[in-house]
């Protein structure tokens, strides 16, 4: 007997309610601001004063020194959920996981989170003021806490967080061992005839010339897609003209972006370090994507 959509939605609401209740009853311990991050769940502050970020952390009992995995939440801004999603991955690979919270008060909407506050009201913001600059700050803070100035790190973001990671890969200096964009709502194509957010159009020359696009194609970047993320009416899908031009669904857009990038690199003989990893049967589901076995393939292709 088939289950009705109404019953599925009701079941999903119950699961979310139970999860929220569990998290409310078992909040992560607050860590002090000195010394190594404690085992288990905790929260730390990155920075001070009004600019401080809260980050949720998880360190498995078998942790032995690295690496760091940065996890970027979706537009729901539920970093406290994403830290739990990453636990199985952390336990298997002895990862220190940090999930920073980019709240809606200071980082509202797509402009200030997904797109890093790079272009606001048609104006390019100075690089030192980009939201993306908070990532090196987080890495530095964790390295200081752990007493390891060269602690290696990976990045993975889902949905809006996937767009965050994708644009970070294009615009920020290299450093991550692998950057993974899971189920992004729209993609950053390596082309200048599309405006920034979807392409490199409108960016300054040093951020959009051939050298900049070559850096993007050479980045250790993975597009990580759920094969069931194919709802063209999904309420959180970018359905603007620019978004629709990329494709009807997240899966279609991701595949199109990867194919375009791969072809561009091939035509020009440019280095291409991107990977495409797909998860059969998963839709727009952060937990499903982080806990699928393919997450390891997306993050650690050489293992």
Protein backbone atom coordinates (compact mmCIF):
# COMPACT_ATOMS: atom_id res chain seq x y z
CA UNK A 1 0.00 0.00 0.00
CA UNK A 2 1.42 3.40 -0.95
CA UNK A 3 1.93 6.04 1.71
CA UNK A 4 0.20 9.34 0.99
CA UNK A 5 2.29 12.53 0.68
CA UNK A 6 0.32 14.00 3.62
CA UNK A 7 1.30 11.06 5.83
CA UNK A 8 4.95 11.35 4.74
CA UNK A 9 5.01 15.07 5.58
CA UNK A 10 3.37 14.40 8.95
CA UNK A 11 5.96 11.71 9.70
CA UNK A 12 8.77 14.05 8.74
CA UNK A 13 7.40 16.75 11.07
CA UNK A 14 7.30 14.25 13.93
CA UNK A 15 10.92 13.24 13.30
CA UNK A 16 12.03 16.89 13.24
CA UNK A 17 10.10 17.59 16.44
CA UNK A 18 11.72 14.64 18.21
CA UNK A 19 15.17 15.73 16.98
CA UNK A 20 14.60 19.31 18.16
CA UNK A 21 13.44 18.07 21.57
CA UNK A 22 16.49 15.81 21.88
CA UNK A 23 18.85 18.65 21.02
CA UNK A 24 17.11 20.97 23.48
CA UNK A 25 17.46 18.43 26.28
CA UNK A 26 21.07 17.55 25.46
CA UNK A 27 22.83 20.80 24.45
CA UNK A 28 26.55 20.67 23.69
CA UNK A 29 28.77 21.61 26.58
CA UNK A 30 30.29 25.09 26.41
CA UNK A 31 34.05 24.84 26.08
CA UNK A 32 36.38 27.36 27.65
CA UNK A 33 38.45 29.39 25.22
CA UNK A 34 41.85 27.89 26.02
CA UNK A 35 43.35 24.48 25.52
CA UNK A 36 42.31 21.72 23.13
CA UNK A 37 38.67 21.34 22.14
CA UNK A 38 37.21 18.65 24.45
CA UNK A 39 36.05 15.22 23.33
CA UNK A 40 32.39 14.81 22.47
CA UNK A 41 30.09 17.74 21.69
CA UNK A 42 30.85 21.32 22.67
CA UNK A 43 30.53 24.88 21.45
CA UNK A 44 33.28 27.42 21.02
CA UNK A 45 33.40 31.11 20.20
CA UNK A 46 35.39 32.35 17.22
CA UNK A 47 36.42 35.96 17.68
CA UNK A 48 35.19 38.39 20.32
CA UNK A 49 32.47 40.95 20.87
CA UNK A 50 29.72 41.53 18.35
CA UNK A 51 31.69 39.83 15.57
CA UNK A 52 32.03 36.53 17.45
CA UNK A 53 30.77 33.36 15.78
CA UNK A 54 29.39 30.38 17.63
CA UNK A 55 30.70 27.06 16.32
CA UNK A 56 29.46 23.60 17.26
CA UNK A 57 32.18 20.99 17.60
CA UNK A 58 32.54 17.24 17.84
CA UNK A 59 35.73 15.39 18.70
CA UNK A 60 35.53 11.58 18.72
CA UNK A 61 37.02 9.60 21.60
CA UNK A 62 39.56 8.07 19.19
CA UNK A 63 40.77 11.45 17.90
CA UNK A 64 44.55 11.48 17.48
CA UNK A 65 45.45 14.82 15.96
CA UNK A 66 43.51 15.55 12.83
CA UNK A 67 42.37 16.40 10.31
CA UNK A 68 39.71 19.09 10.73
CA UNK A 69 36.37 18.93 8.90
CA UNK A 70 34.46 22.20 8.52
CA UNK A 71 30.73 21.65 7.94
CA UNK A 72 28.55 24.46 6.55
CA UNK A 73 24.81 24.36 7.19
CA UNK A 74 22.01 25.09 4.74
CA UNK A 75 19.68 28.09 4.71
CA UNK A 76 17.94 26.64 7.77
CA UNK A 77 21.02 27.83 9.74
CA UNK A 78 20.86 24.69 11.88
CA UNK A 79 24.57 24.17 12.54
CA UNK A 80 23.60 22.26 15.69
CA UNK A 81 21.92 19.63 13.50
CA UNK A 82 24.75 19.36 11.00
CA UNK A 83 27.29 18.60 13.72
CA UNK A 84 25.23 15.52 14.60
CA UNK A 85 24.93 14.53 10.94
CA UNK A 86 28.74 14.39 10.70
CA UNK A 87 29.30 12.11 13.73
CA UNK A 88 29.53 8.76 11.86
CA UNK A 89 32.01 10.26 9.40
CA UNK A 90 34.06 11.74 12.25
CA UNK A 91 34.14 8.49 14.17
CA UNK A 92 35.28 6.45 11.17
CA UNK A 93 38.00 8.86 10.08
CA UNK A 94 39.02 10.36 13.45
CA UNK A 95 38.02 13.86 12.38
CA UNK A 96 37.63 16.96 14.49
CA UNK A 97 34.38 18.49 13.20
CA UNK A 98 33.49 22.17 13.46
CA UNK A 99 30.15 23.56 12.23
CA UNK A 100 30.06 27.38 12.43
CA UNK A 101 26.72 29.15 12.74
CA UNK A 102 26.08 32.01 10.32
CA UNK A 103 22.97 33.53 11.87
CA UNK A 104 20.32 35.36 9.87
CA UNK A 105 20.68 38.59 11.84
CA UNK A 106 24.24 39.25 10.69
CA UNK A 107 24.34 37.13 7.54
CA UNK A 108 20.87 37.48 6.01
CA UNK A 109 19.74 35.78 2.85
CA UNK A 110 21.69 34.52 -0.11
CA UNK A 111 23.89 37.61 -0.53
CA UNK A 112 25.54 37.48 2.88
CA UNK A 113 25.74 33.73 3.38
CA UNK A 114 25.67 31.67 0.17
CA UNK A 115 27.57 34.31 -1.81
CA UNK A 116 29.82 35.48 1.01
CA UNK A 117 28.91 39.17 0.94
CA UNK A 118 31.17 39.68 -2.08
CA UNK A 119 28.76 41.82 -4.09
CA UNK A 120 26.13 43.95 -2.35
CA UNK A 121 23.72 46.29 -4.14
CA UNK A 122 25.79 45.98 -7.30
CA UNK A 123 29.02 46.96 -5.56
CA UNK A 124 32.04 44.70 -5.01
CA UNK A 125 32.95 44.70 -1.33
CA UNK A 126 36.63 44.90 -0.30
CA UNK A 127 38.04 41.39 0.10
CA UNK A 128 38.91 41.90 3.77
CA UNK A 129 35.19 42.37 4.50
CA UNK A 130 33.91 39.24 2.74
CA UNK A 131 32.08 36.73 4.90
CA UNK A 132 34.41 34.11 3.41
CA UNK A 133 37.23 35.66 5.46
CA UNK A 134 35.66 34.14 8.57
CA UNK A 135 36.79 30.68 7.37
CA UNK A 136 40.56 31.29 7.77
CA UNK A 137 39.73 32.87 11.13
CA UNK A 138 37.93 29.68 12.23
CA UNK A 139 40.78 27.48 11.01
CA UNK A 140 43.35 29.61 12.82
CA UNK A 141 41.35 29.54 16.05
CA UNK A 142 41.02 25.74 15.95
CA UNK A 143 44.71 25.29 15.15
CA UNK A 144 45.63 27.47 18.10
CA UNK A 145 43.35 25.50 20.42
CA UNK A 146 44.81 22.21 19.20
CA UNK A 147 48.40 23.43 19.28
CA UNK A 148 48.91 22.45 15.65
CA UNK A 149 49.61 25.38 13.28
CA UNK A 150 49.50 23.12 10.22
CA UNK A 151 46.39 21.07 11.08
CA UNK A 152 45.03 19.94 7.67
CA UNK A 153 41.39 20.61 6.89
CA UNK A 154 38.51 19.67 4.62
CA UNK A 155 35.30 21.57 3.89
CA UNK A 156 31.79 20.34 3.11
CA UNK A 157 28.61 22.36 2.79
CA UNK A 158 25.05 21.33 2.03
CA UNK A 159 22.44 23.32 0.06
CA UNK A 160 23.13 27.00 0.83
CA UNK A 161 26.31 25.79 2.53
CA UNK A 162 27.17 24.03 -0.72
CA UNK A 163 26.97 27.34 -2.54
CA UNK A 164 29.10 28.91 0.19
CA UNK A 165 31.82 26.29 -0.30
CA UNK A 166 31.62 26.47 -4.10
CA UNK A 167 32.11 30.24 -4.23
CA UNK A 168 34.81 29.99 -1.57
CA UNK A 169 36.67 27.54 -3.83
CA UNK A 170 36.52 30.07 -6.66
CA UNK A 171 37.51 33.21 -4.81
CA UNK A 172 39.67 32.38 -1.80
CA UNK A 173 43.29 31.18 -1.67
CA UNK A 174 43.80 27.40 -1.73
CA UNK A 175 44.46 25.48 1.45
CA UNK A 176 41.77 22.84 1.98
CA UNK A 177 42.63 19.27 1.03
CA UNK A 178 39.16 18.96 -0.53
CA UNK A 179 36.10 21.24 -0.75
CA UNK A 180 32.74 19.55 -1.23
CA UNK A 181 29.53 21.21 -2.38
CA UNK A 182 26.53 18.98 -1.63
CA UNK A 183 23.21 19.64 -3.37
CA UNK A 184 23.74 23.36 -4.07
CA UNK A 185 20.59 25.16 -5.20
CA UNK A 186 22.48 26.87 -8.00
CA UNK A 187 26.07 26.58 -9.18
CA UNK A 188 28.97 28.88 -10.02
CA UNK A 189 29.77 28.21 -13.69
CA UNK A 190 33.31 29.14 -14.84
CA UNK A 191 32.07 31.69 -17.39
CA UNK A 192 32.11 35.47 -17.57
CA UNK A 193 28.92 35.98 -19.57
CA UNK A 194 26.80 35.10 -16.50
CA UNK A 195 26.62 37.50 -13.58
CA UNK A 196 28.33 36.71 -10.30
CA UNK A 197 26.48 34.17 -8.24
CA UNK A 198 25.99 32.04 -11.35
CA UNK A 199 29.15 32.97 -13.23
CA UNK A 200 32.09 35.38 -12.96
CA UNK A 201 30.44 38.33 -14.71
CA UNK A 202 30.76 41.69 -12.97
CA UNK A 203 33.73 40.70 -10.83
CA UNK A 204 37.00 42.67 -10.98
CA UNK A 205 39.54 41.48 -13.53
CA UNK A 206 41.79 39.81 -10.95
CA UNK A 207 38.85 37.70 -9.78
CA UNK A 208 37.46 36.81 -13.20
CA UNK A 209 40.26 36.64 -15.79
CA UNK A 210 41.56 33.38 -17.28
CA UNK A 211 44.03 32.96 -14.42
CA UNK A 212 41.19 33.19 -11.88
CA UNK A 213 39.09 30.65 -13.75
CA UNK A 214 42.08 28.33 -14.06
CA UNK A 215 42.56 28.49 -10.28
CA UNK A 216 38.92 27.57 -9.83
CA UNK A 217 39.15 24.58 -12.18
CA UNK A 218 42.37 23.44 -10.48
CA UNK A 219 40.86 23.59 -6.99
CA UNK A 220 40.40 20.27 -5.13
CA UNK A 221 36.64 20.57 -5.45
CA UNK A 222 33.83 17.99 -5.49
CA UNK A 223 30.25 18.42 -6.66
CA UNK A 224 28.31 15.96 -4.50
CA UNK A 225 24.77 15.35 -5.73
CA UNK A 226 21.77 13.33 -4.62
CA UNK A 227 20.13 11.64 -7.61
CA UNK A 228 16.66 12.22 -6.13
CA UNK A 229 17.17 15.97 -5.68
CA UNK A 230 14.96 16.50 -8.70
CA UNK A 231 11.95 18.47 -7.45
CA UNK A 232 11.61 21.53 -9.72
CA UNK A 233 9.08 23.01 -7.28
CA UNK A 234 11.12 22.56 -4.11
CA UNK A 235 10.34 25.56 -1.85
CA UNK A 236 14.03 26.35 -1.28
CA UNK A 237 15.12 25.98 -4.90
CA UNK A 238 16.49 29.06 -6.67
CA UNK A 239 13.79 29.65 -9.27
CA UNK A 240 15.04 32.98 -10.62
CA UNK A 241 15.71 33.36 -14.33
CA UNK A 242 19.44 32.90 -13.74
CA UNK A 243 18.85 29.83 -11.65
CA UNK A 244 16.45 28.24 -14.12
CA UNK A 245 18.95 28.86 -16.92
CA UNK A 246 21.30 26.41 -15.21
CA UNK A 247 18.68 23.64 -15.20
CA UNK A 248 15.33 22.68 -13.73
CA UNK A 249 16.59 20.86 -10.64
CA UNK A 250 19.62 20.79 -8.37
CA UNK A 251 20.79 17.52 -9.87
CA UNK A 252 20.49 18.85 -13.42
CA UNK A 253 22.30 22.08 -12.51
CA UNK A 254 25.17 20.32 -10.78
CA UNK A 255 25.71 17.92 -13.65
CA UNK A 256 25.58 20.79 -16.16
CA UNK A 257 28.11 22.85 -14.21
CA UNK A 258 30.53 19.94 -13.92
CA UNK A 259 30.22 19.11 -17.64
CA UNK A 260 30.76 22.77 -18.62
CA UNK A 261 33.83 23.07 -16.38
CA UNK A 262 35.30 19.78 -17.60
CA UNK A 263 34.84 20.75 -21.24
CA UNK A 264 36.32 24.21 -20.70
CA UNK A 265 39.43 22.74 -19.09
CA UNK A 266 39.77 20.18 -21.89
CA UNK A 267 39.45 22.77 -24.66
CA UNK A 268 42.12 25.04 -23.15
CA UNK A 269 44.37 22.32 -21.78
CA UNK A 270 43.89 23.63 -18.24
CA UNK A 271 44.36 21.59 -15.10
CA UNK A 272 41.09 20.13 -13.83
CA UNK A 273 40.87 18.78 -10.26
CA UNK A 274 37.12 18.69 -9.84
CA UNK A 275 35.25 15.48 -9.10
CA UNK A 276 31.59 14.53 -9.48
CA UNK A 277 30.13 12.12 -6.92
CA UNK A 278 26.47 11.11 -6.86
CA UNK A 279 24.40 9.37 -4.17
CA UNK A 280 21.62 7.12 -5.50
CA UNK A 281 18.23 7.59 -3.89
CA UNK A 282 18.97 10.71 -1.80
CA UNK A 283 16.97 13.90 -2.30
CA UNK A 284 17.59 17.30 -0.64
CA UNK A 285 18.65 15.79 2.67
CA UNK A 286 21.66 17.06 4.60
CA UNK A 287 21.74 14.11 6.98
CA UNK A 288 21.41 11.62 4.14
CA UNK A 289 24.23 13.24 2.19
CA UNK A 290 26.68 13.46 5.10
CA UNK A 291 25.97 9.93 6.27
CA UNK A 292 25.98 8.22 2.86
CA UNK A 293 29.04 6.09 2.12
CA UNK A 294 29.68 8.31 -0.92
CA UNK A 295 30.55 11.21 1.42
CA UNK A 296 33.89 9.52 2.01
CA UNK A 297 34.47 9.28 -1.74
CA UNK A 298 33.59 12.96 -2.12
CA UNK A 299 35.95 14.07 0.65
CA UNK A 300 38.77 11.53 0.49
CA UNK A 301 39.14 10.41 -3.14
CA UNK A 302 42.59 8.92 -2.61
CA UNK A 303 41.55 6.67 0.26
